[in-house]
N, C-alpha and C. Protein backbone atom coordinates (compact mmCIF):
# COMPACT_ATOMS: atom_id res chain seq x y z
N UNK A 1 96.74 51.19 73.00
CA UNK A 1 95.37 50.72 72.79
C UNK A 1 94.39 51.69 73.44
N UNK A 2 93.35 52.03 72.73
CA UNK A 2 92.37 52.98 73.25
C UNK A 2 91.57 52.35 74.37
N UNK A 3 91.18 53.20 75.31
CA UNK A 3 90.36 52.75 76.44
C UNK A 3 89.02 53.44 76.37
N UNK A 4 88.03 52.92 77.11
CA UNK A 4 86.75 53.64 77.17
C UNK A 4 86.94 55.00 77.82
N UNK A 5 86.11 55.96 77.46
CA UNK A 5 86.24 57.31 78.02
C UNK A 5 86.20 57.31 79.54
N UNK A 6 85.40 56.44 80.13
CA UNK A 6 85.27 56.39 81.59
C UNK A 6 86.52 55.96 82.31
N UNK A 7 87.50 55.43 81.58
CA UNK A 7 88.75 54.96 82.19
C UNK A 7 89.91 55.93 82.00
N UNK A 8 89.64 57.13 81.50
CA UNK A 8 90.71 58.12 81.32
C UNK A 8 91.30 58.52 82.66
N UNK A 9 92.63 58.57 82.72
CA UNK A 9 93.31 59.08 83.91
C UNK A 9 93.50 60.58 83.76
N UNK A 10 93.91 61.25 84.84
CA UNK A 10 94.19 62.69 84.75
C UNK A 10 95.27 62.97 83.71
N UNK A 11 96.27 62.09 83.63
CA UNK A 11 97.35 62.26 82.64
C UNK A 11 96.80 62.13 81.23
N UNK A 12 95.89 61.16 81.02
CA UNK A 12 95.26 61.01 79.71
C UNK A 12 94.52 62.29 79.33
N UNK A 13 93.73 62.79 80.27
CA UNK A 13 92.92 63.99 80.01
C UNK A 13 93.81 65.18 79.65
N UNK A 14 94.92 65.30 80.35
CA UNK A 14 95.83 66.41 80.09
C UNK A 14 96.49 66.30 78.71
N UNK A 15 96.57 65.09 78.17
CA UNK A 15 97.25 64.89 76.89
C UNK A 15 96.32 65.02 75.69
N UNK A 16 95.01 65.00 75.90
CA UNK A 16 94.06 65.02 74.79
C UNK A 16 94.05 66.38 74.11
N UNK A 17 94.19 66.38 72.79
CA UNK A 17 94.22 67.65 72.04
C UNK A 17 93.14 67.74 70.97
N UNK A 18 92.55 66.60 70.59
CA UNK A 18 91.51 66.66 69.56
C UNK A 18 90.53 65.51 69.71
N UNK A 19 89.37 65.71 69.14
CA UNK A 19 88.34 64.68 69.13
C UNK A 19 87.84 64.53 67.69
N UNK A 20 87.63 63.29 67.28
CA UNK A 20 87.21 62.99 65.92
C UNK A 20 86.00 62.07 65.99
N UNK A 21 85.00 62.34 65.18
CA UNK A 21 83.83 61.47 65.10
C UNK A 21 83.58 61.09 63.65
N UNK A 22 83.26 59.83 63.43
CA UNK A 22 82.85 59.43 62.09
C UNK A 22 81.73 58.41 62.19
N UNK A 23 80.92 58.41 61.17
CA UNK A 23 79.74 57.55 61.12
C UNK A 23 80.17 56.11 60.94
N UNK A 24 79.72 55.24 61.84
CA UNK A 24 80.03 53.82 61.76
C UNK A 24 78.99 53.08 60.94
N UNK A 25 77.73 53.29 61.27
CA UNK A 25 76.64 52.57 60.62
C UNK A 25 75.35 53.33 60.82
N UNK A 26 74.34 52.97 60.05
CA UNK A 26 73.06 53.62 60.22
C UNK A 26 71.96 52.92 59.45
N UNK A 27 70.74 53.21 59.84
CA UNK A 27 69.58 52.73 59.11
C UNK A 27 68.56 53.87 59.07
N UNK A 28 67.32 53.58 58.79
CA UNK A 28 66.33 54.65 58.64
C UNK A 28 65.98 55.32 59.96
N UNK A 29 66.30 54.69 61.09
CA UNK A 29 65.90 55.26 62.39
C UNK A 29 67.05 55.82 63.21
N UNK A 30 68.27 55.30 63.03
CA UNK A 30 69.37 55.77 63.88
C UNK A 30 70.72 55.59 63.19
N UNK A 31 71.74 56.23 63.78
CA UNK A 31 73.11 56.12 63.30
C UNK A 31 74.02 55.88 64.50
N UNK A 32 75.10 55.15 64.26
CA UNK A 32 76.14 54.97 65.26
C UNK A 32 77.36 55.76 64.82
N UNK A 33 77.93 56.52 65.74
CA UNK A 33 79.13 57.31 65.46
C UNK A 33 80.23 56.88 66.41
N UNK A 34 81.43 56.74 65.89
CA UNK A 34 82.60 56.39 66.68
C UNK A 34 83.31 57.69 67.03
N UNK A 35 83.44 57.98 68.32
CA UNK A 35 84.09 59.21 68.79
C UNK A 35 85.43 58.82 69.41
N UNK A 36 86.51 59.42 68.93
CA UNK A 36 87.85 59.09 69.41
C UNK A 36 88.57 60.35 69.88
N UNK A 37 89.31 60.23 70.98
CA UNK A 37 90.11 61.32 71.51
C UNK A 37 91.57 61.02 71.23
N UNK A 38 92.31 62.05 70.77
CA UNK A 38 93.70 61.87 70.39
C UNK A 38 94.62 62.81 71.17
N UNK A 39 95.87 62.37 71.36
CA UNK A 39 96.91 63.21 71.93
C UNK A 39 97.94 63.48 70.84
N UNK A 40 98.90 64.33 71.12
CA UNK A 40 99.97 64.60 70.15
C UNK A 40 100.97 63.45 70.11
N UNK A 41 100.96 62.60 71.16
CA UNK A 41 101.99 61.57 71.30
C UNK A 41 101.81 60.38 70.37
N UNK A 42 100.61 60.19 69.81
CA UNK A 42 100.37 58.98 69.02
C UNK A 42 99.30 59.22 67.97
N UNK A 43 99.38 58.43 66.91
CA UNK A 43 98.33 58.45 65.89
C UNK A 43 97.13 57.62 66.33
N UNK A 44 97.31 56.79 67.35
CA UNK A 44 96.22 55.96 67.87
C UNK A 44 95.43 56.75 68.90
N UNK A 45 94.11 56.51 68.98
CA UNK A 45 93.32 57.25 69.96
C UNK A 45 93.65 56.88 71.39
N UNK A 46 93.53 57.86 72.28
CA UNK A 46 93.70 57.67 73.71
C UNK A 46 92.46 56.95 74.26
N UNK A 47 91.28 57.35 73.77
CA UNK A 47 90.02 56.77 74.23
C UNK A 47 88.99 56.82 73.13
N UNK A 48 87.98 55.95 73.24
CA UNK A 48 86.91 55.92 72.25
C UNK A 48 85.56 55.76 72.93
N UNK A 49 84.53 56.14 72.22
CA UNK A 49 83.15 56.00 72.69
C UNK A 49 82.29 55.81 71.45
N UNK A 50 81.22 55.03 71.56
CA UNK A 50 80.28 54.88 70.46
C UNK A 50 79.03 55.68 70.81
N UNK A 51 78.61 56.52 69.88
CA UNK A 51 77.48 57.41 70.08
C UNK A 51 76.32 56.91 69.23
N UNK A 52 75.17 56.72 69.83
CA UNK A 52 73.97 56.37 69.09
C UNK A 52 73.04 57.57 69.01
N UNK A 53 72.64 57.97 67.82
CA UNK A 53 71.77 59.12 67.63
C UNK A 53 70.61 58.75 66.70
N UNK A 54 69.44 59.33 66.96
CA UNK A 54 68.27 59.08 66.13
C UNK A 54 68.36 59.90 64.84
N UNK A 55 67.94 59.32 63.73
CA UNK A 55 67.91 60.04 62.45
C UNK A 55 66.75 61.02 62.41
N UNK A 56 66.84 62.11 61.68
CA UNK A 56 68.03 62.54 60.93
C UNK A 56 69.07 63.14 61.89
N UNK A 57 70.34 62.84 61.64
CA UNK A 57 71.44 63.30 62.49
C UNK A 57 72.04 64.56 61.90
N UNK A 58 72.19 65.58 62.74
CA UNK A 58 72.84 66.82 62.30
C UNK A 58 74.16 66.97 63.05
N UNK A 59 75.04 67.83 62.55
CA UNK A 59 76.31 68.07 63.25
C UNK A 59 76.05 68.68 64.62
N UNK A 60 74.94 69.42 64.77
CA UNK A 60 74.60 69.98 66.08
C UNK A 60 74.32 68.88 67.09
N UNK A 61 73.61 67.82 66.68
CA UNK A 61 73.33 66.71 67.59
C UNK A 61 74.61 66.01 68.01
N UNK A 62 75.50 65.80 67.06
CA UNK A 62 76.77 65.15 67.37
C UNK A 62 77.55 66.01 68.36
N UNK A 63 77.60 67.31 68.09
CA UNK A 63 78.30 68.23 68.98
C UNK A 63 77.72 68.19 70.38
N UNK A 64 76.39 68.25 70.50
CA UNK A 64 75.76 68.25 71.81
C UNK A 64 76.10 66.99 72.59
N UNK A 65 76.08 65.84 71.92
CA UNK A 65 76.40 64.60 72.61
C UNK A 65 77.87 64.57 73.03
N UNK A 66 78.75 64.97 72.11
CA UNK A 66 80.18 64.96 72.43
C UNK A 66 80.48 65.91 73.58
N UNK A 67 79.89 67.10 73.57
CA UNK A 67 80.08 68.06 74.67
C UNK A 67 79.63 67.44 75.99
N UNK A 68 78.49 66.75 75.99
CA UNK A 68 77.98 66.11 77.20
C UNK A 68 78.94 65.03 77.69
N UNK A 69 79.36 64.15 76.80
CA UNK A 69 80.25 63.04 77.18
C UNK A 69 81.58 63.57 77.69
N UNK A 70 82.17 64.54 76.96
CA UNK A 70 83.45 65.09 77.40
C UNK A 70 83.31 65.79 78.74
N UNK A 71 82.23 66.54 78.94
CA UNK A 71 82.01 67.22 80.20
C UNK A 71 81.92 66.26 81.37
N UNK A 72 81.28 65.13 81.14
CA UNK A 72 81.17 64.09 82.17
C UNK A 72 82.55 63.56 82.55
N UNK A 73 83.48 63.58 81.59
CA UNK A 73 84.83 63.08 81.84
C UNK A 73 85.82 64.18 82.22
N UNK A 74 85.33 65.41 82.41
CA UNK A 74 86.21 66.50 82.82
C UNK A 74 86.94 67.17 81.67
N UNK A 75 86.40 67.07 80.46
CA UNK A 75 87.00 67.68 79.28
C UNK A 75 85.97 68.57 78.61
N UNK A 76 86.45 69.50 77.79
CA UNK A 76 85.51 70.32 77.03
C UNK A 76 86.08 70.63 75.65
N UNK A 77 85.19 70.91 74.71
CA UNK A 77 85.64 71.35 73.39
C UNK A 77 86.22 72.74 73.54
N UNK A 78 87.41 72.94 72.99
CA UNK A 78 88.10 74.21 73.09
C UNK A 78 87.53 75.24 72.12
N UNK A 79 86.97 74.76 71.02
CA UNK A 79 86.44 75.64 69.98
C UNK A 79 85.23 74.95 69.37
N UNK A 80 84.40 75.68 68.65
CA UNK A 80 83.23 75.06 68.03
C UNK A 80 83.63 73.90 67.12
N UNK A 81 82.74 72.97 66.99
CA UNK A 81 82.91 71.78 66.17
C UNK A 81 82.60 72.17 64.75
N UNK A 82 83.57 72.70 64.04
CA UNK A 82 83.27 73.35 62.76
C UNK A 82 83.77 72.62 61.51
N UNK A 83 85.02 72.20 61.50
CA UNK A 83 85.58 71.73 60.23
C UNK A 83 85.19 70.29 59.93
N UNK A 84 85.04 70.01 58.65
CA UNK A 84 84.70 68.66 58.21
C UNK A 84 85.66 68.28 57.10
N UNK A 85 86.24 67.09 57.22
CA UNK A 85 87.18 66.62 56.22
C UNK A 85 87.01 65.11 56.07
N UNK A 86 86.69 64.65 54.89
CA UNK A 86 86.53 63.22 54.63
C UNK A 86 85.55 62.55 55.59
N UNK A 87 84.48 63.25 55.95
CA UNK A 87 83.46 62.68 56.82
C UNK A 87 83.78 62.76 58.30
N UNK A 88 84.89 63.39 58.66
CA UNK A 88 85.28 63.51 60.07
C UNK A 88 85.02 64.92 60.56
N UNK A 89 84.55 65.03 61.79
CA UNK A 89 84.39 66.33 62.43
C UNK A 89 85.51 66.46 63.46
N UNK A 90 86.14 67.61 63.57
CA UNK A 90 87.30 67.76 64.44
C UNK A 90 87.24 69.05 65.24
N UNK A 91 87.82 69.01 66.46
CA UNK A 91 87.93 70.21 67.28
C UNK A 91 89.00 70.01 68.33
N UNK A 92 89.54 71.10 68.82
CA UNK A 92 90.46 71.02 69.94
C UNK A 92 89.71 70.68 71.22
N UNK A 93 90.42 70.06 72.17
CA UNK A 93 89.85 69.66 73.46
C UNK A 93 90.81 70.12 74.55
N UNK A 94 90.25 70.56 75.67
CA UNK A 94 91.08 70.90 76.84
C UNK A 94 90.50 70.27 78.08
N UNK A 95 91.37 70.00 79.06
CA UNK A 95 90.92 69.50 80.36
C UNK A 95 90.30 70.64 81.15
N UNK A 96 89.19 70.37 81.82
CA UNK A 96 88.54 71.42 82.62
C UNK A 96 89.46 71.87 83.76
N UNK A 97 90.35 70.97 84.22
CA UNK A 97 91.28 71.32 85.30
C UNK A 97 92.31 72.34 84.88
N UNK A 98 92.56 72.46 83.56
CA UNK A 98 93.60 73.38 83.09
C UNK A 98 93.12 74.80 82.96
N UNK A 99 91.82 75.05 83.17
CA UNK A 99 91.28 76.41 83.04
C UNK A 99 91.34 77.15 84.35
């Protein structure tokens, strides 16, 4: 079962290999995005976070928020947030302690 990002243990952080975001809901003023962190060990997310952004939302805004949230938890995007598939944005993630 996924936990909030703030409850990640060091072992959880070390296991995270990717982050996925998809649009949950939106209206004319804002959008909610579900951000999930995954490890190689399971198809289920290790942790999740809901991101609220003001419209219009760009991939740059999503990236900036995700970078901020991951940094707060001791993680960083390993590569630019580039690929898009079926509405999902994906990138590798590494623990800041592993650098």
